[in-house]
């Protein structure tokens, strides 16, 4: 399991004034994933992690990315050869996992 966001799966998160989080959010995390400090960009729709149509829902400063749709790991995009694109890209592109609607699939 390559996901760093398992505590976020399928959950709705509130922002200011108790409304579901929306849009892009930048955070700095400390003492995690082997780094003293690491930046992360999260993309939200209706309080859940969700790709914005172009960019993944989760981007870490160390190039770890995760694609989500409605709070679940998901990437049904295919490359030019018709090969399924990964939902998680980790370890600077050396490891990948594929998910459709939160269920792991083979490439």
PDB file of N, CA and C in Angstrom:
ATOM      1  N   UNK A   1       0.846  -1.183   0.000  1.00  0.00           N
ATOM      2  CA  UNK A   1       0.000   0.000   0.000  1.00  0.00           C
ATOM      3  C   UNK A   1       0.884   1.236   0.000  1.00  0.00           C
ATOM      4  N   UNK A   2       0.782   2.022  -1.040  1.00  0.00           N
ATOM      5  CA  UNK A   2       1.614   3.204  -1.190  1.00  0.00           C
ATOM      6  C   UNK A   2       0.952   4.492  -0.696  1.00  0.00           C
ATOM      7  N   UNK A   3      -0.354   4.468  -0.473  1.00  0.00           N
ATOM      8  CA  UNK A   3      -1.063   5.694  -0.110  1.00  0.00           C
ATOM      9  C   UNK A   3      -0.591   6.254   1.229  1.00  0.00           C
ATOM     10  N   UNK A   4      -0.414   7.555   1.252  1.00  0.00           N
ATOM     11  CA  UNK A   4      -0.102   8.278   2.480  1.00  0.00           C
ATOM     12  C   UNK A   4      -1.364   8.898   3.085  1.00  0.00           C
ATOM     13  N   UNK A   5      -2.490   8.714   2.446  1.00  0.00           N
ATOM     14  CA  UNK A   5      -3.701   9.443   2.814  1.00  0.00           C
ATOM     15  C   UNK A   5      -4.832   8.532   3.282  1.00  0.00           C
ATOM     16  N   UNK A   6      -4.536   7.354   3.786  1.00  0.00           N
ATOM     17  CA  UNK A   6      -5.590   6.398   4.144  1.00  0.00           C
ATOM     18  C   UNK A   6      -6.587   6.963   5.156  1.00  0.00           C
ATOM     19  N   UNK A   7      -6.161   7.866   6.023  1.00  0.00           N
ATOM     20  CA  UNK A   7      -7.080   8.457   7.000  1.00  0.00           C
ATOM     21  C   UNK A   7      -8.083   9.404   6.357  1.00  0.00           C
ATOM     22  N   UNK A   8      -7.911   9.706   5.084  1.00  0.00           N
ATOM     23  CA  UNK A   8      -8.790  10.635   4.382  1.00  0.00           C
ATOM     24  C   UNK A   8      -9.799   9.920   3.484  1.00  0.00           C
ATOM     25  N   UNK A   9      -9.621   8.626   3.268  1.00  0.00           N
ATOM     26  CA  UNK A   9     -10.438   7.880   2.314  1.00  0.00           C
ATOM     27  C   UNK A   9     -11.917   7.941   2.667  1.00  0.00           C
ATOM     28  N   UNK A  10     -12.712   8.406   1.727  1.00  0.00           N
ATOM     29  CA  UNK A  10     -14.158   8.394   1.861  1.00  0.00           C
ATOM     30  C   UNK A  10     -14.720   9.318   2.927  1.00  0.00           C
ATOM     31  N   UNK A  11     -13.910  10.180   3.490  1.00  0.00           N
ATOM     32  CA  UNK A  11     -14.364  11.070   4.550  1.00  0.00           C
ATOM     33  C   UNK A  11     -14.594  12.478   4.016  1.00  0.00           C
ATOM     34  N   UNK A  12     -15.514  13.185   4.678  1.00  0.00           N
ATOM     35  CA  UNK A  12     -15.804  14.573   4.347  1.00  0.00           C
ATOM     36  C   UNK A  12     -15.170  15.454   5.408  1.00  0.00           C
ATOM     37  N   UNK A  13     -14.426  16.477   4.967  1.00  0.00           N
ATOM     38  CA  UNK A  13     -13.730  17.386   5.870  1.00  0.00           C
ATOM     39  C   UNK A  13     -14.316  18.785   5.740  1.00  0.00           C
ATOM     40  N   UNK A  14     -14.456  19.425   6.880  1.00  0.00           N
ATOM     41  CA  UNK A  14     -15.014  20.780   6.914  1.00  0.00           C
ATOM     42  C   UNK A  14     -13.902  21.810   6.966  1.00  0.00           C
ATOM     43  N   UNK A  15     -14.194  22.958   6.395  1.00  0.00           N
ATOM     44  CA  UNK A  15     -13.270  24.079   6.432  1.00  0.00           C
ATOM     45  C   UNK A  15     -13.832  25.169   7.317  1.00  0.00           C
ATOM     46  N   UNK A  16     -13.617  26.391   6.902  1.00  0.00           N
ATOM     47  CA  UNK A  16     -14.113  27.547   7.642  1.00  0.00           C
ATOM     48  C   UNK A  16     -15.628  27.502   7.792  1.00  0.00           C
ATOM     49  N   UNK A  17     -16.078  27.869   8.961  1.00  0.00           N
ATOM     50  CA  UNK A  17     -17.509  27.992   9.252  1.00  0.00           C
ATOM     51  C   UNK A  17     -18.269  26.670   9.113  1.00  0.00           C
ATOM     52  N   UNK A  18     -17.558  25.547   9.161  1.00  0.00           N
ATOM     53  CA  UNK A  18     -18.205  24.242   9.123  1.00  0.00           C
ATOM     54  C   UNK A  18     -18.651  23.778   7.759  1.00  0.00           C
ATOM     55  N   UNK A  19     -18.344  24.534   6.714  1.00  0.00           N
ATOM     56  CA  UNK A  19     -18.708  24.135   5.358  1.00  0.00           C
ATOM     57  C   UNK A  19     -17.688  23.143   4.816  1.00  0.00           C
ATOM     58  N   UNK A  20     -18.095  22.225   3.932  1.00  0.00           N
ATOM     59  CA  UNK A  20     -17.141  21.278   3.347  1.00  0.00           C
ATOM     60  C   UNK A  20     -16.012  22.018   2.624  1.00  0.00           C
ATOM     61  N   UNK A  21     -14.798  21.484   2.761  1.00  0.00           N
ATOM     62  CA  UNK A  21     -13.632  22.097   2.103  1.00  0.00           C
ATOM     63  C   UNK A  21     -13.825  22.096   0.594  1.00  0.00           C
ATOM     64  N   UNK A  22     -13.323  23.174  -0.037  1.00  0.00           N
ATOM     65  CA  UNK A  22     -13.391  23.335  -1.487  1.00  0.00           C
ATOM     66  C   UNK A  22     -12.055  23.886  -1.981  1.00  0.00           C
ATOM     67  N   UNK A  23     -11.691  23.552  -3.198  1.00  0.00           N
ATOM     68  CA  UNK A  23     -10.538  24.168  -3.837  1.00  0.00           C
ATOM     69  C   UNK A  23      -9.205  23.590  -3.422  1.00  0.00           C
ATOM     70  N   UNK A  24      -8.165  24.412  -3.563  1.00  0.00           N
ATOM     71  CA  UNK A  24      -6.786  23.995  -3.322  1.00  0.00           C
ATOM     72  C   UNK A  24      -6.342  24.457  -1.944  1.00  0.00           C
ATOM     73  N   UNK A  25      -5.542  23.614  -1.267  1.00  0.00           N
ATOM     74  CA  UNK A  25      -5.027  23.942   0.055  1.00  0.00           C
ATOM     75  C   UNK A  25      -3.557  23.523   0.134  1.00  0.00           C
ATOM     76  N   UNK A  26      -2.719  24.415   0.619  1.00  0.00           N
ATOM     77  CA  UNK A  26      -1.304  24.094   0.829  1.00  0.00           C
ATOM     78  C   UNK A  26      -1.054  23.966   2.319  1.00  0.00           C
ATOM     79  N   UNK A  27      -0.325  22.925   2.702  1.00  0.00           N
ATOM     80  CA  UNK A  27       0.057  22.708   4.098  1.00  0.00           C
ATOM     81  C   UNK A  27       1.530  22.343   4.158  1.00  0.00           C
ATOM     82  N   UNK A  28       2.119  22.563   5.317  1.00  0.00           N
ATOM     83  CA  UNK A  28       3.465  22.091   5.594  1.00  0.00           C
ATOM     84  C   UNK A  28       3.356  21.072   6.721  1.00  0.00           C
ATOM     85  N   UNK A  29       3.917  19.886   6.497  1.00  0.00           N
ATOM     86  CA  UNK A  29       3.922  18.832   7.514  1.00  0.00           C
ATOM     87  C   UNK A  29       5.325  18.728   8.079  1.00  0.00           C
ATOM     88  N   UNK A  30       5.421  18.444   9.363  1.00  0.00           N
ATOM     89  CA  UNK A  30       6.721  18.362  10.028  1.00  0.00           C
ATOM     90  C   UNK A  30       7.017  16.947  10.511  1.00  0.00           C
ATOM     91  N   UNK A  31       8.295  16.563  10.409  1.00  0.00           N
ATOM     92  CA  UNK A  31       8.793  15.275  10.907  1.00  0.00           C
ATOM     93  C   UNK A  31       7.957  14.094  10.419  1.00  0.00           C
ATOM     94  N   UNK A  32       7.816  13.982   9.114  1.00  0.00           N
ATOM     95  CA  UNK A  32       7.025  12.896   8.544  1.00  0.00           C
ATOM     96  C   UNK A  32       7.630  12.471   7.205  1.00  0.00           C
ATOM     97  N   UNK A  33       7.504  11.215   6.866  1.00  0.00           N
ATOM     98  CA  UNK A  33       7.991  10.650   5.611  1.00  0.00           C
ATOM     99  C   UNK A  33       9.473  10.898   5.394  1.00  0.00           C
ATOM    100  N   UNK A  34      10.240  10.865   6.472  1.00  0.00           N
ATOM    101  CA  UNK A  34      11.682  11.015   6.395  1.00  0.00           C
ATOM    102  C   UNK A  34      12.158  12.443   6.180  1.00  0.00           C
ATOM    103  N   UNK A  35      11.260  13.403   6.311  1.00  0.00           N
ATOM    104  CA  UNK A  35      11.619  14.808   6.114  1.00  0.00           C
ATOM    105  C   UNK A  35      11.329  15.611   7.379  1.00  0.00           C
ATOM    106  N   UNK A  36      12.197  16.565   7.657  1.00  0.00           N
ATOM    107  CA  UNK A  36      11.944  17.480   8.771  1.00  0.00           C
ATOM    108  C   UNK A  36      10.725  18.339   8.458  1.00  0.00           C
ATOM    109  N   UNK A  37      10.563  18.690   7.172  1.00  0.00           N
ATOM    110  CA  UNK A  37       9.441  19.507   6.733  1.00  0.00           C
ATOM    111  C   UNK A  37       9.141  19.172   5.282  1.00  0.00           C
ATOM    112  N   UNK A  38       7.866  18.991   4.960  1.00  0.00           N
ATOM    113  CA  UNK A  38       7.479  18.674   3.586  1.00  0.00           C
ATOM    114  C   UNK A  38       6.178  19.397   3.257  1.00  0.00           C
ATOM    115  N   UNK A  39       6.121  19.966   2.063  1.00  0.00           N
ATOM    116  CA  UNK A  39       4.914  20.642   1.608  1.00  0.00           C
ATOM    117  C   UNK A  39       3.962  19.672   0.933  1.00  0.00           C
ATOM    118  N   UNK A  40       2.671  19.978   1.030  1.00  0.00           N
ATOM    119  CA  UNK A  40       1.642  19.156   0.401  1.00  0.00           C
ATOM    120  C   UNK A  40       0.547  20.077  -0.134  1.00  0.00           C
ATOM    121  N   UNK A  41       0.057  19.770  -1.314  1.00  0.00           N
ATOM    122  CA  UNK A  41      -1.104  20.454  -1.874  1.00  0.00           C
ATOM    123  C   UNK A  41      -2.244  19.452  -1.896  1.00  0.00           C
ATOM    124  N   UNK A  42      -3.375  19.869  -1.338  1.00  0.00           N
ATOM    125  CA  UNK A  42      -4.587  19.051  -1.318  1.00  0.00           C
ATOM    126  C   UNK A  42      -5.648  19.754  -2.143  1.00  0.00           C
ATOM    127  N   UNK A  43      -6.390  18.991  -2.901  1.00  0.00           N
ATOM    128  CA  UNK A  43      -7.488  19.553  -3.694  1.00  0.00           C
ATOM    129  C   UNK A  43      -8.792  18.917  -3.230  1.00  0.00           C
ATOM    130  N   UNK A  44      -9.769  19.780  -2.960  1.00  0.00           N
ATOM    131  CA  UNK A  44     -11.025  19.366  -2.343  1.00  0.00           C
ATOM    132  C   UNK A  44     -12.214  19.695  -3.230  1.00  0.00           C
ATOM    133  N   UNK A  45     -13.202  18.833  -3.151  1.00  0.00           N
ATOM    134  CA  UNK A  45     -14.511  19.119  -3.728  1.00  0.00           C
ATOM    135  C   UNK A  45     -15.551  18.563  -2.777  1.00  0.00           C
ATOM    136  N   UNK A  46     -16.430  19.411  -2.298  1.00  0.00           N
ATOM    137  CA  UNK A  46     -17.479  19.009  -1.350  1.00  0.00           C
ATOM    138  C   UNK A  46     -16.910  18.282  -0.141  1.00  0.00           C
ATOM    139  N   UNK A  47     -15.736  18.722   0.321  1.00  0.00           N
ATOM    140  CA  UNK A  47     -15.133  18.182   1.535  1.00  0.00           C
ATOM    141  C   UNK A  47     -14.331  16.906   1.353  1.00  0.00           C
ATOM    142  N   UNK A  48     -14.237  16.414   0.127  1.00  0.00           N
ATOM    143  CA  UNK A  48     -13.498  15.176  -0.126  1.00  0.00           C
ATOM    144  C   UNK A  48     -12.333  15.445  -1.074  1.00  0.00           C
ATOM    145  N   UNK A  49     -11.281  14.637  -0.947  1.00  0.00           N
ATOM    146  CA  UNK A  49     -10.171  14.724  -1.898  1.00  0.00           C
ATOM    147  C   UNK A  49     -10.716  14.429  -3.285  1.00  0.00           C
ATOM    148  N   UNK A  50     -10.307  15.268  -4.242  1.00  0.00           N
ATOM    149  CA  UNK A  50     -10.861  15.133  -5.585  1.00  0.00           C
ATOM    150  C   UNK A  50      -9.932  15.848  -6.575  1.00  0.00           C
ATOM    151  N   UNK A  51      -9.508  15.139  -7.623  1.00  0.00           N
ATOM    152  CA  UNK A  51      -8.713  15.775  -8.679  1.00  0.00           C
ATOM    153  C   UNK A  51      -9.495  16.971  -9.223  1.00  0.00           C
ATOM    154  N   UNK A  52      -8.771  17.992  -9.668  1.00  0.00           N
ATOM    155  CA  UNK A  52      -9.463  19.183 -10.167  1.00  0.00           C
ATOM    156  C   UNK A  52      -9.714  19.145 -11.668  1.00  0.00           C
ATOM    157  N   UNK A  53      -9.507  18.015 -12.299  1.00  0.00           N
ATOM    158  CA  UNK A  53      -9.711  17.877 -13.738  1.00  0.00           C
ATOM    159  C   UNK A  53      -8.404  17.897 -14.510  1.00  0.00           C
ATOM    160  N   UNK A  54      -7.389  18.524 -13.935  1.00  0.00           N
ATOM    161  CA  UNK A  54      -6.071  18.586 -14.563  1.00  0.00           C
ATOM    162  C   UNK A  54      -5.008  18.045 -13.607  1.00  0.00           C
ATOM    163  N   UNK A  55      -5.095  18.450 -12.356  1.00  0.00           N
ATOM    164  CA  UNK A  55      -4.083  18.108 -11.351  1.00  0.00           C
ATOM    165  C   UNK A  55      -4.606  17.074 -10.358  1.00  0.00           C
ATOM    166  N   UNK A  56      -3.702  16.264  -9.791  1.00  0.00           N
ATOM    167  CA  UNK A  56      -4.125  15.252  -8.820  1.00  0.00           C
ATOM    168  C   UNK A  56      -4.610  15.888  -7.522  1.00  0.00           C
ATOM    169  N   UNK A  57      -5.383  15.148  -6.765  1.00  0.00           N
ATOM    170  CA  UNK A  57      -5.931  15.637  -5.494  1.00  0.00           C
ATOM    171  C   UNK A  57      -4.851  15.835  -4.445  1.00  0.00           C
ATOM    172  N   UNK A  58      -3.762  15.071  -4.529  1.00  0.00           N
ATOM    173  CA  UNK A  58      -2.700  15.149  -3.525  1.00  0.00           C
ATOM    174  C   UNK A  58      -1.347  15.217  -4.228  1.00  0.00           C
ATOM    175  N   UNK A  59      -0.573  16.232  -3.871  1.00  0.00           N
ATOM    176  CA  UNK A  59       0.792  16.375  -4.388  1.00  0.00           C
ATOM    177  C   UNK A  59       1.720  16.712  -3.231  1.00  0.00           C
ATOM    178  N   UNK A  60       2.670  15.833  -2.968  1.00  0.00           N
ATOM    179  CA  UNK A  60       3.690  16.094  -1.966  1.00  0.00           C
ATOM    180  C   UNK A  60       4.911  16.710  -2.631  1.00  0.00           C
ATOM    181  N   UNK A  61       5.652  17.468  -1.877  1.00  0.00           N
ATOM    182  CA  UNK A  61       6.862  18.133  -2.361  1.00  0.00           C
ATOM    183  C   UNK A  61       7.898  17.135  -2.879  1.00  0.00           C
ATOM    184  N   UNK A  62       7.880  15.901  -2.373  1.00  0.00           N
ATOM    185  CA  UNK A  62       8.850  14.890  -2.801  1.00  0.00           C
ATOM    186  C   UNK A  62       8.384  14.088  -4.021  1.00  0.00           C
ATOM    187  N   UNK A  63       7.422  14.621  -4.759  1.00  0.00           N
ATOM    188  CA  UNK A  63       6.919  14.051  -6.012  1.00  0.00           C
ATOM    189  C   UNK A  63       5.941  12.897  -5.825  1.00  0.00           C
ATOM    190  N   UNK A  64       5.522  12.584  -4.607  1.00  0.00           N
ATOM    191  CA  UNK A  64       4.486  11.582  -4.355  1.00  0.00           C
ATOM    192  C   UNK A  64       3.142  12.208  -4.726  1.00  0.00           C
ATOM    193  N   UNK A  65       2.363  11.528  -5.592  1.00  0.00           N
ATOM    194  CA  UNK A  65       1.046  12.041  -5.946  1.00  0.00           C
ATOM    195  C   UNK A  65      -0.008  10.950  -5.809  1.00  0.00           C
ATOM    196  N   UNK A  66      -1.242  11.392  -5.544  1.00  0.00           N
ATOM    197  CA  UNK A  66      -2.378  10.486  -5.453  1.00  0.00           C
ATOM    198  C   UNK A  66      -3.578  11.127  -6.132  1.00  0.00           C
ATOM    199  N   UNK A  67      -4.253  10.351  -6.977  1.00  0.00           N
ATOM    200  CA  UNK A  67      -5.448  10.802  -7.682  1.00  0.00           C
ATOM    201  C   UNK A  67      -6.690  10.287  -6.956  1.00  0.00           C
ATOM    202  N   UNK A  68      -7.690  11.165  -6.814  1.00  0.00           N
ATOM    203  CA  UNK A  68      -8.934  10.808  -6.138  1.00  0.00           C
ATOM    204  C   UNK A  68     -10.130  11.310  -6.919  1.00  0.00           C
ATOM    205  N   UNK A  69     -11.233  10.600  -6.728  1.00  0.00           N
ATOM    206  CA  UNK A  69     -12.540  11.074  -7.184  1.00  0.00           C
ATOM    207  C   UNK A  69     -13.515  10.824  -6.043  1.00  0.00           C
ATOM    208  N   UNK A  70     -14.140  11.884  -5.584  1.00  0.00           N
ATOM    209  CA  UNK A  70     -15.122  11.799  -4.496  1.00  0.00           C
ATOM    210  C   UNK A  70     -14.580  11.065  -3.275  1.00  0.00           C
ATOM    211  N   UNK A  71     -13.342  11.378  -2.898  1.00  0.00           N
ATOM    212  CA  UNK A  71     -12.756  10.828  -1.685  1.00  0.00           C
ATOM    213  C   UNK A  71     -12.165   9.440  -1.802  1.00  0.00           C
ATOM    214  N   UNK A  72     -12.211   8.844  -2.986  1.00  0.00           N
ATOM    215  CA  UNK A  72     -11.667   7.496  -3.193  1.00  0.00           C
ATOM    216  C   UNK A  72     -10.534   7.542  -4.210  1.00  0.00           C
ATOM    217  N   UNK A  73      -9.511   6.724  -3.987  1.00  0.00           N
ATOM    218  CA  UNK A  73      -8.434   6.615  -4.973  1.00  0.00           C
ATOM    219  C   UNK A  73      -9.039   6.221  -6.311  1.00  0.00           C
ATOM    220  N   UNK A  74      -8.664   6.979  -7.341  1.00  0.00           N
ATOM    221  CA  UNK A  74      -9.279   6.729  -8.644  1.00  0.00           C
ATOM    222  C   UNK A  74      -8.479   7.425  -9.740  1.00  0.00           C
ATOM    223  N   UNK A  75      -8.173   6.681 -10.775  1.00  0.00           N
ATOM    224  CA  UNK A  75      -7.651   7.276 -12.012  1.00  0.00           C
ATOM    225  C   UNK A  75      -8.007   6.330 -13.147  1.00  0.00           C
ATOM    226  N   UNK A  76      -8.974   6.739 -13.955  1.00  0.00           N
ATOM    227  CA  UNK A  76      -9.355   5.919 -15.108  1.00  0.00           C
ATOM    228  C   UNK A  76      -8.811   6.490 -16.412  1.00  0.00           C
ATOM    229  N   UNK A  77      -7.874   7.438 -16.299  1.00  0.00           N
ATOM    230  CA  UNK A  77      -7.216   7.993 -17.488  1.00  0.00           C
ATOM    231  C   UNK A  77      -6.311   6.935 -18.114  1.00  0.00           C
ATOM    232  N   UNK A  78      -6.173   7.029 -19.420  1.00  0.00           N
ATOM    233  CA  UNK A  78      -5.275   6.119 -20.138  1.00  0.00           C
ATOM    234  C   UNK A  78      -4.279   6.941 -20.947  1.00  0.00           C
ATOM    235  N   UNK A  79      -3.114   6.362 -21.186  1.00  0.00           N
ATOM    236  CA  UNK A  79      -2.101   7.047 -21.987  1.00  0.00           C
ATOM    237  C   UNK A  79      -2.410   6.858 -23.471  1.00  0.00           C
ATOM    238  N   UNK A  80      -1.527   7.354 -24.331  1.00  0.00           N
ATOM    239  CA  UNK A  80      -1.741   7.293 -25.782  1.00  0.00           C
ATOM    240  C   UNK A  80      -1.849   5.866 -26.308  1.00  0.00           C
ATOM    241  N   UNK A  81      -1.238   4.917 -25.594  1.00  0.00           N
ATOM    242  CA  UNK A  81      -1.287   3.515 -26.012  1.00  0.00           C
ATOM    243  C   UNK A  81      -2.489   2.774 -25.424  1.00  0.00           C
ATOM    244  N   UNK A  82      -3.325   3.502 -24.658  1.00  0.00           N
ATOM    245  CA  UNK A  82      -4.497   2.877 -24.054  1.00  0.00           C
ATOM    246  C   UNK A  82      -4.218   2.213 -22.721  1.00  0.00           C
ATOM    247  N   UNK A  83      -3.030   2.413 -22.174  1.00  0.00           N
ATOM    248  CA  UNK A  83      -2.656   1.806 -20.894  1.00  0.00           C
ATOM    249  C   UNK A  83      -3.170   2.675 -19.745  1.00  0.00           C
ATOM    250  N   UNK A  84      -3.759   2.030 -18.729  1.00  0.00           N
ATOM    251  CA  UNK A  84      -4.299   2.724 -17.568  1.00  0.00           C
ATOM    252  C   UNK A  84      -3.194   3.485 -16.839  1.00  0.00           C
ATOM    253  N   UNK A  85      -3.488   4.700 -16.435  1.00  0.00           N
ATOM    254  CA  UNK A  85      -2.539   5.538 -15.699  1.00  0.00           C
ATOM    255  C   UNK A  85      -2.678   5.246 -14.202  1.00  0.00           C
ATOM    256  N   UNK A  86      -1.595   5.343 -13.435  1.00  0.00           N
ATOM    257  CA  UNK A  86      -1.659   5.020 -12.005  1.00  0.00           C
ATOM    258  C   UNK A  86      -2.424   6.067 -11.199  1.00  0.00           C
ATOM    259  N   UNK A  87      -3.039   5.610 -10.105  1.00  0.00           N
ATOM    260  CA  UNK A  87      -3.694   6.512  -9.160  1.00  0.00           C
ATOM    261  C   UNK A  87      -2.692   7.017  -8.138  1.00  0.00           C
ATOM    262  N   UNK A  88      -1.643   6.234  -7.877  1.00  0.00           N
ATOM    263  CA  UNK A  88      -0.585   6.635  -6.952  1.00  0.00           C
ATOM    264  C   UNK A  88       0.757   6.481  -7.657  1.00  0.00           C
ATOM    265  N   UNK A  89       1.561   7.520  -7.576  1.00  0.00           N
ATOM    266  CA  UNK A  89       2.940   7.470  -8.059  1.00  0.00           C
ATOM    267  C   UNK A  89       3.819   7.838  -6.872  1.00  0.00           C
ATOM    268  N   UNK A  90       4.712   6.922  -6.497  1.00  0.00           N
ATOM    269  CA  UNK A  90       5.529   7.099  -5.295  1.00  0.00           C
ATOM    270  C   UNK A  90       7.008   6.876  -5.605  1.00  0.00           C
ATOM    271  N   UNK A  91       7.827   7.219  -4.640  1.00  0.00           N
ATOM    272  CA  UNK A  91       9.276   7.011  -4.735  1.00  0.00           C
ATOM    273  C   UNK A  91       9.851   7.532  -6.054  1.00  0.00           C
ATOM    274  N   UNK A  92       9.504   8.785  -6.351  1.00  0.00           N
ATOM    275  CA  UNK A  92      10.009   9.472  -7.541  1.00  0.00           C
ATOM    276  C   UNK A  92       9.717   8.702  -8.825  1.00  0.00           C
ATOM    277  N   UNK A  93       8.523   8.126  -8.882  1.00  0.00           N
ATOM    278  CA  UNK A  93       8.081   7.446 -10.086  1.00  0.00           C
ATOM    279  C   UNK A  93       8.496   6.000 -10.209  1.00  0.00           C
ATOM    280  N   UNK A  94       9.147   5.459  -9.193  1.00  0.00           N
ATOM    281  CA  UNK A  94       9.607   4.072  -9.281  1.00  0.00           C
ATOM    282  C   UNK A  94       8.549   3.062  -8.835  1.00  0.00           C
ATOM    283  N   UNK A  95       7.499   3.526  -8.132  1.00  0.00           N
ATOM    284  CA  UNK A  95       6.435   2.633  -7.688  1.00  0.00           C
ATOM    285  C   UNK A  95       5.082   3.252  -8.028  1.00  0.00           C
ATOM    286  N   UNK A  96       4.165   2.409  -8.489  1.00  0.00           N
ATOM    287  CA  UNK A  96       2.830   2.871  -8.857  1.00  0.00           C
ATOM    288  C   UNK A  96       1.779   1.866  -8.408  1.00  0.00           C
ATOM    289  N   UNK A  97       0.593   2.386  -8.132  1.00  0.00           N
ATOM    290  CA  UNK A  97      -0.569   1.535  -7.871  1.00  0.00           C
ATOM    291  C   UNK A  97      -1.746   2.107  -8.644  1.00  0.00           C
ATOM    292  N   UNK A  98      -2.655   1.218  -9.026  1.00  0.00           N
ATOM    293  CA  UNK A  98      -3.782   1.563  -9.879  1.00  0.00           C
ATOM    294  C   UNK A  98      -5.077   1.322  -9.118  1.00  0.00           C
ATOM    295  N   UNK A  99      -5.985   2.305  -9.155  1.00  0.00           N
ATOM    296  CA  UNK A  99      -7.257   2.207  -8.449  1.00  0.00           C
ATOM    297  C   UNK A  99      -8.367   2.771  -9.325  1.00  0.00           C
ATOM    298  N   UNK A 100      -9.515   2.123  -9.240  1.00  0.00           N
ATOM    299  CA  UNK A 100     -10.747   2.614  -9.846  1.00  0.00           C
ATOM    300  C   UNK A 100     -11.804   2.590  -8.735  1.00  0.00           C
ATOM    301  N   UNK A 101     -12.401   3.726  -8.460  1.00  0.00           N
ATOM    302  CA  UNK A 101     -13.431   3.847  -7.421  1.00  0.00           C
ATOM    303  C   UNK A 101     -13.015   3.232  -6.093  1.00  0.00           C
ATOM    304  N   UNK A 102     -11.767   3.454  -5.705  1.00  0.00           N
ATOM    305  CA  UNK A 102     -11.279   2.999  -4.402  1.00  0.00           C
ATOM    306  C   UNK A 102     -10.823   1.557  -4.335  1.00  0.00           C
ATOM    307  N   UNK A 103     -10.936   0.834  -5.433  1.00  0.00           N
ATOM    308  CA  UNK A 103     -10.522  -0.579  -5.455  1.00  0.00           C
ATOM    309  C   UNK A 103      -9.269  -0.716  -6.304  1.00  0.00           C
ATOM    310  N   UNK A 104      -8.272  -1.419  -5.751  1.00  0.00           N
ATOM    311  CA  UNK A 104      -7.034  -1.604  -6.476  1.00  0.00           C
ATOM    312  C   UNK A 104      -7.249  -2.553  -7.651  1.00  0.00           C
ATOM    313  N   UNK A 105      -6.666  -2.178  -8.780  1.00  0.00           N
ATOM    314  CA  UNK A 105      -6.766  -2.984 -10.000  1.00  0.00           C
ATOM    315  C   UNK A 105      -5.367  -3.187 -10.555  1.00  0.00           C
ATOM    316  N   UNK A 106      -5.235  -4.125 -11.482  1.00  0.00           N
ATOM    317  CA  UNK A 106      -3.950  -4.304 -12.164  1.00  0.00           C
ATOM    318  C   UNK A 106      -3.924  -3.389 -13.375  1.00  0.00           C
ATOM    319  N   UNK A 107      -2.742  -3.028 -13.804  1.00  0.00           N
ATOM    320  CA  UNK A 107      -2.610  -2.081 -14.918  1.00  0.00           C
ATOM    321  C   UNK A 107      -3.040  -2.635 -16.223  1.00  0.00           C
TER     322      UNK A 107
END
